[in-house]
C-alpha atoms as a PDB file:
ATOM      1  CA  MET A   1       1.690 -21.550   9.925  1.00  0.00           C
ATOM      2  CA  LYS A   2       0.466 -18.121   8.878  1.00  0.00           C
ATOM      3  CA  ASN A   3      -0.333 -15.688  11.652  1.00  0.00           C
ATOM      4  CA  LYS A   4      -3.919 -14.845  10.720  1.00  0.00           C
ATOM      5  CA  ALA A   5      -4.401 -13.475  14.256  1.00  0.00           C
ATOM      6  CA  LEU A   6      -2.166 -10.610  13.185  1.00  0.00           C
ATOM      7  CA  LEU A   7      -4.911  -9.378  10.875  1.00  0.00           C
ATOM      8  CA  GLU A   8      -7.304  -9.119  13.799  1.00  0.00           C
ATOM      9  CA  LYS A   9      -4.949  -6.558  15.348  1.00  0.00           C
ATOM     10  CA  LEU A  10      -5.511  -4.396  12.282  1.00  0.00           C
ATOM     11  CA  LYS A  11      -9.304  -4.793  12.270  1.00  0.00           C
ATOM     12  CA  GLY A  12     -11.102  -1.457  12.205  1.00  0.00           C
ATOM     13  CA  GLY A  13      -7.870   0.467  12.529  1.00  0.00           C
ATOM     14  CA  LEU A  14      -5.679   3.002  10.787  1.00  0.00           C
ATOM     15  CA  ILE A  15      -2.514   1.787   9.091  1.00  0.00           C
ATOM     16  CA  VAL A  16      -0.083   4.633   8.470  1.00  0.00           C
ATOM     17  CA  SER A  17       2.165   4.409   5.431  1.00  0.00           C
ATOM     18  CA  CYS A  18       5.564   5.749   6.505  1.00  0.00           C
ATOM     19  CA  GLN A  19       7.820   6.099   3.474  1.00  0.00           C
ATOM     20  CA  VAL A  20      10.518   8.421   2.173  1.00  0.00           C
ATOM     21  CA  GLN A  21      12.401   8.361  -1.119  1.00  0.00           C
ATOM     22  CA  PRO A  22      15.923   9.751  -1.674  1.00  0.00           C
ATOM     23  CA  ASP A  23      14.577  12.589  -3.846  1.00  0.00           C
ATOM     24  CA  ASP A  24      11.955  13.690  -1.296  1.00  0.00           C
ATOM     25  CA  PRO A  25      12.791  17.067   0.309  1.00  0.00           C
ATOM     26  CA  VAL A  26      12.166  15.495   3.727  1.00  0.00           C
ATOM     27  CA  TYR A  27      14.357  12.459   3.086  1.00  0.00           C
ATOM     28  CA  SER A  28      16.229  11.014   6.043  1.00  0.00           C
ATOM     29  CA  MET A  29      16.092   7.711   7.859  1.00  0.00           C
ATOM     30  CA  ASP A  30      15.479   9.585  11.085  1.00  0.00           C
ATOM     31  CA  PHE A  31      12.398  11.226   9.590  1.00  0.00           C
ATOM     32  CA  VAL A  32      10.775   7.951   8.510  1.00  0.00           C
ATOM     33  CA  LEU A  33      11.351   6.463  11.957  1.00  0.00           C
ATOM     34  CA  LYS A  34       9.825   9.506  13.651  1.00  0.00           C
ATOM     35  CA  MET A  35       6.777   9.189  11.393  1.00  0.00           C
ATOM     36  CA  ALA A  36       6.316   5.583  12.488  1.00  0.00           C
ATOM     37  CA  LYS A  37       6.745   6.477  16.158  1.00  0.00           C
ATOM     38  CA  ALA A  38       4.239   9.307  15.760  1.00  0.00           C
ATOM     39  CA  ALA A  39       1.756   6.881  14.206  1.00  0.00           C
ATOM     40  CA  GLN A  40       2.179   4.501  17.134  1.00  0.00           C
ATOM     41  CA  TRP A  41       1.739   7.365  19.610  1.00  0.00           C
ATOM     42  CA  ALA A  42      -1.487   8.345  17.838  1.00  0.00           C
ATOM     43  CA  GLY A  43      -2.928   4.862  18.229  1.00  0.00           C
ATOM     44  CA  ALA A  44      -2.440   3.493  14.730  1.00  0.00           C
ATOM     45  CA  ALA A  45      -3.046  -0.225  14.321  1.00  0.00           C
ATOM     46  CA  GLY A  46      -0.183  -0.826  11.915  1.00  0.00           C
ATOM     47  CA  ILE A  47       2.535   0.560   9.654  1.00  0.00           C
ATOM     48  CA  ARG A  48       3.187   0.211   5.928  1.00  0.00           C
ATOM     49  CA  ALA A  49       6.827   0.744   5.001  1.00  0.00           C
ATOM     50  CA  ASN A  50       9.069   0.576   1.956  1.00  0.00           C
ATOM     51  CA  SER A  51      12.528  -0.949   1.445  1.00  0.00           C
ATOM     52  CA  PRO A  52      14.424  -3.453   3.588  1.00  0.00           C
ATOM     53  CA  ASP A  53      16.451  -0.834   5.455  1.00  0.00           C
ATOM     54  CA  GLN A  54      13.438   1.259   6.452  1.00  0.00           C
ATOM     55  CA  ILE A  55      11.390  -1.838   7.346  1.00  0.00           C
ATOM     56  CA  LYS A  56      14.168  -3.202   9.562  1.00  0.00           C
ATOM     57  CA  MET A  57      14.693   0.104  11.353  1.00  0.00           C
ATOM     58  CA  ILE A  58      10.997   0.640  12.035  1.00  0.00           C
ATOM     59  CA  LYS A  59      10.395  -2.945  13.108  1.00  0.00           C
ATOM     60  CA  GLU A  60      13.216  -2.732  15.661  1.00  0.00           C
ATOM     61  CA  GLN A  61      11.745   0.338  17.365  1.00  0.00           C
ATOM     62  CA  VAL A  62       7.988   0.329  16.726  1.00  0.00           C
ATOM     63  CA  ASP A  63       5.859  -2.495  18.099  1.00  0.00           C
ATOM     64  CA  LEU A  64       3.097  -2.609  15.497  1.00  0.00           C
ATOM     65  CA  PRO A  65       2.218  -5.045  12.684  1.00  0.00           C
ATOM     66  CA  LEU A  66       4.154  -4.011   9.589  1.00  0.00           C
ATOM     67  CA  ILE A  67       3.179  -4.305   5.926  1.00  0.00           C
ATOM     68  CA  GLY A  68       6.373  -4.273   3.906  1.00  0.00           C
ATOM     69  CA  LEU A  69       7.111  -3.603   0.276  1.00  0.00           C
ATOM     70  CA  TYR A  70      10.091  -2.769  -1.872  1.00  0.00           C
ATOM     71  CA  LYS A  71       9.648  -0.125  -4.555  1.00  0.00           C
ATOM     72  CA  ILE A  72      11.900  -0.740  -7.545  1.00  0.00           C
ATOM     73  CA  TRP A  73      11.404   1.359 -10.687  1.00  0.00           C
ATOM     74  CA  HIS A  74      12.250   0.521 -14.301  1.00  0.00           C
ATOM     75  CA  GLU A  75      11.590   2.766 -17.284  1.00  0.00           C
ATOM     76  CA  ASP A  76       9.920   0.005 -19.302  1.00  0.00           C
ATOM     77  CA  THR A  77       7.178  -0.792 -16.785  1.00  0.00           C
ATOM     78  CA  ASP A  78       4.831   0.788 -14.257  1.00  0.00           C
ATOM     79  CA  VAL A  79       5.179  -2.219 -11.929  1.00  0.00           C
ATOM     80  CA  PHE A  80       7.244  -1.047  -8.968  1.00  0.00           C
ATOM     81  CA  ILE A  81       5.807  -2.584  -5.774  1.00  0.00           C
ATOM     82  CA  THR A  82       7.876  -5.640  -4.795  1.00  0.00           C
ATOM     83  CA  PRO A  83       8.199  -6.739  -8.423  1.00  0.00           C
ATOM     84  CA  THR A  84      10.422  -9.819  -7.945  1.00  0.00           C
ATOM     85  CA  LEU A  85      10.823 -12.828  -5.678  1.00  0.00           C
ATOM     86  CA  ASP A  86      14.169 -11.481  -4.500  1.00  0.00           C
ATOM     87  CA  ALA A  87      12.511  -8.206  -3.483  1.00  0.00           C
ATOM     88  CA  ALA A  88       9.833 -10.127  -1.568  1.00  0.00           C
ATOM     89  CA  LYS A  89      12.494 -12.178   0.229  1.00  0.00           C
ATOM     90  CA  GLN A  90      14.344  -9.020   1.245  1.00  0.00           C
ATOM     91  CA  VAL A  91      11.127  -7.524   2.633  1.00  0.00           C
ATOM     92  CA  TRP A  92      10.433 -10.694   4.619  1.00  0.00           C
ATOM     93  CA  GLU A  93      13.977 -11.001   5.940  1.00  0.00           C
ATOM     94  CA  ALA A  94      13.879  -7.350   7.044  1.00  0.00           C
ATOM     95  CA  GLY A  95      11.047  -8.247   9.422  1.00  0.00           C
ATOM     96  CA  ALA A  96       7.794  -7.438   7.639  1.00  0.00           C
ATOM     97  CA  ASP A  97       4.746  -9.291   8.922  1.00  0.00           C
ATOM     98  CA  ILE A  98       2.874  -8.900   5.620  1.00  0.00           C
ATOM     99  CA  ILE A  99       4.386  -8.645   2.123  1.00  0.00           C
ATOM    100  CA  ALA A 100       2.711  -6.290  -0.354  1.00  0.00           C
ATOM    101  CA  LEU A 101       2.910  -7.230  -4.052  1.00  0.00           C
ATOM    102  CA  ASP A 102       1.671  -5.636  -7.268  1.00  0.00           C
ATOM    103  CA  CYS A 103      -1.045  -8.063  -8.400  1.00  0.00           C
ATOM    104  CA  THR A 104      -2.371  -6.057 -11.347  1.00  0.00           C
ATOM    105  CA  ASP A 105      -2.483  -7.019 -15.024  1.00  0.00           C
ATOM    106  CA  GLN A 106       0.485  -4.763 -15.754  1.00  0.00           C
ATOM    107  CA  ILE A 107       3.527  -6.287 -17.434  1.00  0.00           C
ATOM    108  CA  THR A 108       6.705  -6.362 -15.363  1.00  0.00           C
ATOM    109  CA  HIS A 109      10.292  -5.569 -16.322  1.00  0.00           C
ATOM    110  CA  GLU A 110      10.708  -9.329 -16.821  1.00  0.00           C
ATOM    111  CA  GLY A 111       7.854  -9.397 -19.352  1.00  0.00           C
ATOM    112  CA  ARG A 112       5.088 -11.178 -17.438  1.00  0.00           C
ATOM    113  CA  PRO A 113       1.838 -10.082 -15.767  1.00  0.00           C
ATOM    114  CA  ALA A 114       2.558  -8.792 -12.265  1.00  0.00           C
ATOM    115  CA  TRP A 115       0.010 -11.114 -10.639  1.00  0.00           C
ATOM    116  CA  GLU A 116       2.018 -14.191 -11.680  1.00  0.00           C
ATOM    117  CA  LEU A 117       4.449 -13.445  -8.833  1.00  0.00           C
ATOM    118  CA  LEU A 118       1.771 -14.130  -6.199  1.00  0.00           C
ATOM    119  CA  PRO A 119       1.864 -17.968  -6.293  1.00  0.00           C
ATOM    120  CA  ILE A 120       5.655 -17.923  -6.530  1.00  0.00           C
ATOM    121  CA  VAL A 121       5.973 -15.913  -3.320  1.00  0.00           C
ATOM    122  CA  GLN A 122       3.332 -18.081  -1.643  1.00  0.00           C
ATOM    123  CA  LYS A 123       5.404 -21.165  -2.453  1.00  0.00           C
ATOM    124  CA  GLU A 124       8.810 -19.723  -1.578  1.00  0.00           C
ATOM    125  CA  ILE A 125       7.730 -17.829   1.577  1.00  0.00           C
ATOM    126  CA  PRO A 126       4.815 -19.947   2.856  1.00  0.00           C
ATOM    127  CA  ASP A 127       4.643 -18.287   6.277  1.00  0.00           C
ATOM    128  CA  ALA A 128       4.136 -14.796   4.874  1.00  0.00           C
ATOM    129  CA  LEU A 129       0.780 -13.081   4.710  1.00  0.00           C
ATOM    130  CA  ILE A 130       0.378 -11.576   1.240  1.00  0.00           C
ATOM    131  CA  PHE A 131      -1.211  -8.181   0.538  1.00  0.00           C
ATOM    132  CA  ALA A 132      -2.315  -7.987  -3.106  1.00  0.00           C
ATOM    133  CA  ASP A 133      -2.133  -4.395  -4.352  1.00  0.00           C
ATOM    134  CA  VAL A 134      -4.647  -4.117  -7.200  1.00  0.00           C
ATOM    135  CA  SER A 135      -6.342  -1.425  -9.312  1.00  0.00           C
ATOM    136  CA  THR A 136      -9.678  -3.000 -10.276  1.00  0.00           C
ATOM    137  CA  TYR A 137     -12.404  -5.249  -8.930  1.00  0.00           C
ATOM    138  CA  ASP A 138     -11.479  -8.030 -11.371  1.00  0.00           C
ATOM    139  CA  GLU A 139      -7.845  -7.963 -10.227  1.00  0.00           C
ATOM    140  CA  ALA A 140      -9.017  -8.148  -6.618  1.00  0.00           C
ATOM    141  CA  LYS A 141     -11.289 -11.091  -7.383  1.00  0.00           C
ATOM    142  CA  ARG A 142      -8.453 -12.984  -9.082  1.00  0.00           C
ATOM    143  CA  ALA A 143      -6.028 -12.288  -6.225  1.00  0.00           C
ATOM    144  CA  VAL A 144      -8.512 -13.604  -3.668  1.00  0.00           C
ATOM    145  CA  LYS A 145      -9.121 -16.713  -5.774  1.00  0.00           C
ATOM    146  CA  MET A 146      -5.346 -17.271  -5.850  1.00  0.00           C
ATOM    147  CA  GLY A 147      -5.179 -17.126  -2.073  1.00  0.00           C
ATOM    148  CA  ALA A 148      -4.079 -13.592  -1.238  1.00  0.00           C
ATOM    149  CA  ASP A 149      -4.641 -12.929   2.468  1.00  0.00           C
ATOM    150  CA  VAL A 150      -5.224  -9.194   2.054  1.00  0.00           C
ATOM    151  CA  VAL A 151      -6.482  -7.180  -0.915  1.00  0.00           C
ATOM    152  CA  GLY A 152      -6.627  -3.431  -1.426  1.00  0.00           C
ATOM    153  CA  PRO A 153      -7.041  -0.982  -4.360  1.00  0.00           C
ATOM    154  CA  THR A 154      -3.623   0.559  -3.699  1.00  0.00           C
ATOM    155  CA  LEU A 155      -2.846   0.949  -7.387  1.00  0.00           C
ATOM    156  CA  TYR A 156      -6.129   2.535  -8.432  1.00  0.00           C
ATOM    157  CA  GLY A 157      -4.948   5.614 -10.290  1.00  0.00           C
ATOM    158  CA  TYR A 158      -1.474   4.244 -11.018  1.00  0.00           C
ATOM    159  CA  THR A 159      -2.252   1.921 -13.940  1.00  0.00           C
ATOM    160  CA  GLU A 160      -2.949   2.825 -17.553  1.00  0.00           C
ATOM    161  CA  ALA A 161      -6.626   1.909 -17.186  1.00  0.00           C
ATOM    162  CA  THR A 162      -7.152   4.025 -14.054  1.00  0.00           C
ATOM    163  CA  LYS A 163      -4.640   6.871 -14.359  1.00  0.00           C
ATOM    164  CA  HIS A 164      -7.393   9.422 -15.126  1.00  0.00           C
ATOM    165  CA  ILE A 165      -9.030   9.154 -11.668  1.00  0.00           C
ATOM    166  CA  GLU A 166      -9.161  12.005  -9.179  1.00  0.00           C
ATOM    167  CA  GLU A 167     -11.021  10.375  -6.276  1.00  0.00           C
ATOM    168  CA  PRO A 168     -11.244   6.879  -4.783  1.00  0.00           C
ATOM    169  CA  ASN A 169     -13.859   4.667  -6.438  1.00  0.00           C
ATOM    170  CA  LEU A 170     -15.936   3.938  -3.346  1.00  0.00           C
ATOM    171  CA  ARG A 171     -18.640   2.119  -5.295  1.00  0.00           C
ATOM    172  CA  GLU A 172     -16.086  -0.318  -6.697  1.00  0.00           C
ATOM    173  CA  PHE A 173     -14.512  -0.701  -3.266  1.00  0.00           C
ATOM    174  CA  ALA A 174     -17.897  -1.435  -1.673  1.00  0.00           C
ATOM    175  CA  ARG A 175     -18.362  -4.161  -4.288  1.00  0.00           C
ATOM    176  CA  MET A 176     -15.017  -5.682  -3.280  1.00  0.00           C
ATOM    177  CA  CYS A 177     -16.089  -5.697   0.362  1.00  0.00           C
ATOM    178  CA  ARG A 178     -19.482  -7.254  -0.362  1.00  0.00           C
ATOM    179  CA  ASP A 179     -18.251  -9.959  -2.714  1.00  0.00           C
ATOM    180  CA  LEU A 180     -14.820 -10.778  -1.305  1.00  0.00           C
ATOM    181  CA  GLY A 181     -14.939  -9.769   2.360  1.00  0.00           C
ATOM    182  CA  ASP A 182     -15.734 -13.273   3.583  1.00  0.00           C
ATOM    183  CA  LYS A 183     -12.727 -14.692   1.726  1.00  0.00           C
ATOM    184  CA  ALA A 184      -9.964 -12.152   2.413  1.00  0.00           C
ATOM    185  CA  PHE A 185      -9.092  -9.146   4.571  1.00  0.00           C
ATOM    186  CA  ILE A 186     -10.098  -6.067   2.578  1.00  0.00           C
ATOM    187  CA  ILE A 187      -8.094  -2.892   3.176  1.00  0.00           C
ATOM    188  CA  MET A 188      -8.785   0.503   1.645  1.00  0.00           C
ATOM    189  CA  GLU A 189      -5.678   2.263   0.430  1.00  0.00           C
ATOM    190  CA  GLY A 190      -5.228   5.170  -1.935  1.00  0.00           C
ATOM    191  CA  HIS A 191      -6.593   8.719  -2.206  1.00  0.00           C
ATOM    192  CA  ILE A 192      -7.855   8.915   1.371  1.00  0.00           C
ATOM    193  CA  TYR A 193      -7.180  12.421   2.700  1.00  0.00           C
ATOM    194  CA  THR A 194      -9.495  12.977   5.681  1.00  0.00           C
ATOM    195  CA  PRO A 195     -10.750  11.043   8.712  1.00  0.00           C
ATOM    196  CA  GLU A 196     -14.228  11.336   7.221  1.00  0.00           C
ATOM    197  CA  ASP A 197     -13.043   9.549   4.059  1.00  0.00           C
ATOM    198  CA  ALA A 198     -11.605   6.753   6.198  1.00  0.00           C
ATOM    199  CA  ILE A 199     -14.844   6.385   8.158  1.00  0.00           C
ATOM    200  CA  LYS A 200     -16.798   6.068   4.896  1.00  0.00           C
ATOM    201  CA  CYS A 201     -14.567   3.154   3.919  1.00  0.00           C
ATOM    202  CA  LEU A 202     -15.144   1.370   7.227  1.00  0.00           C
ATOM    203  CA  TYR A 203     -18.885   1.896   6.769  1.00  0.00           C
ATOM    204  CA  LEU A 204     -18.666   0.321   3.299  1.00  0.00           C
ATOM    205  CA  GLY A 205     -16.974  -2.776   4.733  1.00  0.00           C
ATOM    206  CA  ALA A 206     -13.241  -2.103   4.925  1.00  0.00           C
ATOM    207  CA  ASP A 207     -11.437  -4.182   7.519  1.00  0.00           C
ATOM    208  CA  ALA A 208      -8.844  -1.407   7.888  1.00  0.00           C
ATOM    209  CA  VAL A 209      -7.682   1.749   6.108  1.00  0.00           C
ATOM    210  CA  VAL A 210      -4.185   2.753   4.986  1.00  0.00           C
ATOM    211  CA  VAL A 211      -3.343   6.455   4.805  1.00  0.00           C
ATOM    212  CA  GLY A 212       0.028   7.733   3.647  1.00  0.00           C
ATOM    213  CA  SER A 213       0.519  11.050   1.858  1.00  0.00           C
ATOM    214  CA  ALA A 214      -2.179  12.890   3.813  1.00  0.00           C
ATOM    215  CA  ILE A 215      -0.353  12.149   7.074  1.00  0.00           C
ATOM    216  CA  THR A 216       3.322  11.500   6.461  1.00  0.00           C
ATOM    217  CA  ARG A 217       4.444  13.405   3.363  1.00  0.00           C
ATOM    218  CA  PRO A 218       4.448  17.119   4.240  1.00  0.00           C
ATOM    219  CA  HIS A 219       5.824  18.201   0.873  1.00  0.00           C
ATOM    220  CA  LEU A 220       2.869  16.575  -0.911  1.00  0.00           C
ATOM    221  CA  ILE A 221       0.406  18.000   1.621  1.00  0.00           C
ATOM    222  CA  ALA A 222       1.819  21.474   0.944  1.00  0.00           C
ATOM    223  CA  LYS A 223       1.785  20.926  -2.822  1.00  0.00           C
ATOM    224  CA  ARG A 224      -1.874  19.913  -2.689  1.00  0.00           C
ATOM    225  CA  PHE A 225      -2.731  23.175  -0.923  1.00  0.00           C
ATOM    226  CA  VAL A 226      -0.687  25.210  -3.433  1.00  0.00           C
ATOM    227  CA  ASP A 227      -2.296  23.459  -6.394  1.00  0.00           C
ATOM    228  CA  LEU A 228      -5.861  23.900  -5.152  1.00  0.00           C
ATOM    229  CA  MET A 229      -5.331  27.491  -3.980  1.00  0.00           C
ATOM    230  CA  GLY A 230      -3.651  28.353  -7.275  1.00  0.00           C
ATOM    231  CA  GLY A 231      -6.611  27.315  -9.378  1.00  0.00           C
ATOM    232  CA  LEU A 232      -5.324  23.850 -10.274  1.00  0.00           C
ATOM    233  CA  GLN A 233      -2.426  25.284 -12.271  1.00  0.00           C
ATOM    234  CA  ASP A 234      -0.043  22.493 -11.276  1.00  0.00           C
ATOM    235  CA  ASN A 235      -1.317  18.973 -10.743  1.00  0.00           C
ATOM    236  CA  TRP A 236      -0.053  17.794  -7.367  1.00  0.00           C
ATOM    237  CA  ARG A 237      -1.103  14.239  -8.263  1.00  0.00           C
ATOM    238  CA  ASP A 238       1.704  14.092 -10.829  1.00  0.00           C
ATOM    239  CA  ALA A 239       4.159  14.495  -7.959  1.00  0.00           C
ATOM    240  CA  GLU A 240       2.346  11.877  -5.925  1.00  0.00           C
ATOM    241  CA  ARG A 241       2.542   9.360  -8.786  1.00  0.00           C
ATOM    242  CA  SER A 242       6.069  10.171  -9.915  1.00  0.00           C
ATOM    243  CA  LYS A 243       8.698   7.522 -10.424  1.00  0.00           C
ATOM    244  CA  HIS A 244      11.697   7.844  -8.164  1.00  0.00           C
END
């Protein structure tokens, strides 16, 4: 039976995304663990983490609900968040409490819409809570109809249709909360850089808020300062969106 009570532990709280990639200047397993411990010390309600090894390490030493994903990049697709059933199984076996999946309209490396993986994972891992990462209201609505437990606009700004954005679409997010909030747990994720931004999302109806780069990726924080202070000469968002 799914642990819906777990979602109540996240209600109204901050979920800190603690991730490092091998090409990050701060990359080390010790660093990602320290980020998670710092988040717990600060009073965060949960952690979002990438890859089986990082998920397992954090779960063993940090006693918070964990949203897990597995980023796998291919040159022929922009789908990279837990793109296969095998990836989802590895995330679950590593100890994640919630599995995050790309549930957008984007076409995967295997040649099918990303959202088609959702019912497959639901069938193969029935005890898992599923977090549908979407980029639009319509994708969120479909994911909820298909039974996703959690929905968030994580991929707003990462798909072809939304790649031009500079700020979170709070009006669209408020619509998600109003129309879908009684059917699924709605989490705001993406382009949240201040506590004030997070509070706005709670006011609009978010059940919880995920923040990553603004807290746990010092190289991107520094690059944002350099870009803005330098008259927008180098777009820091390109680094934030880069494939690894």
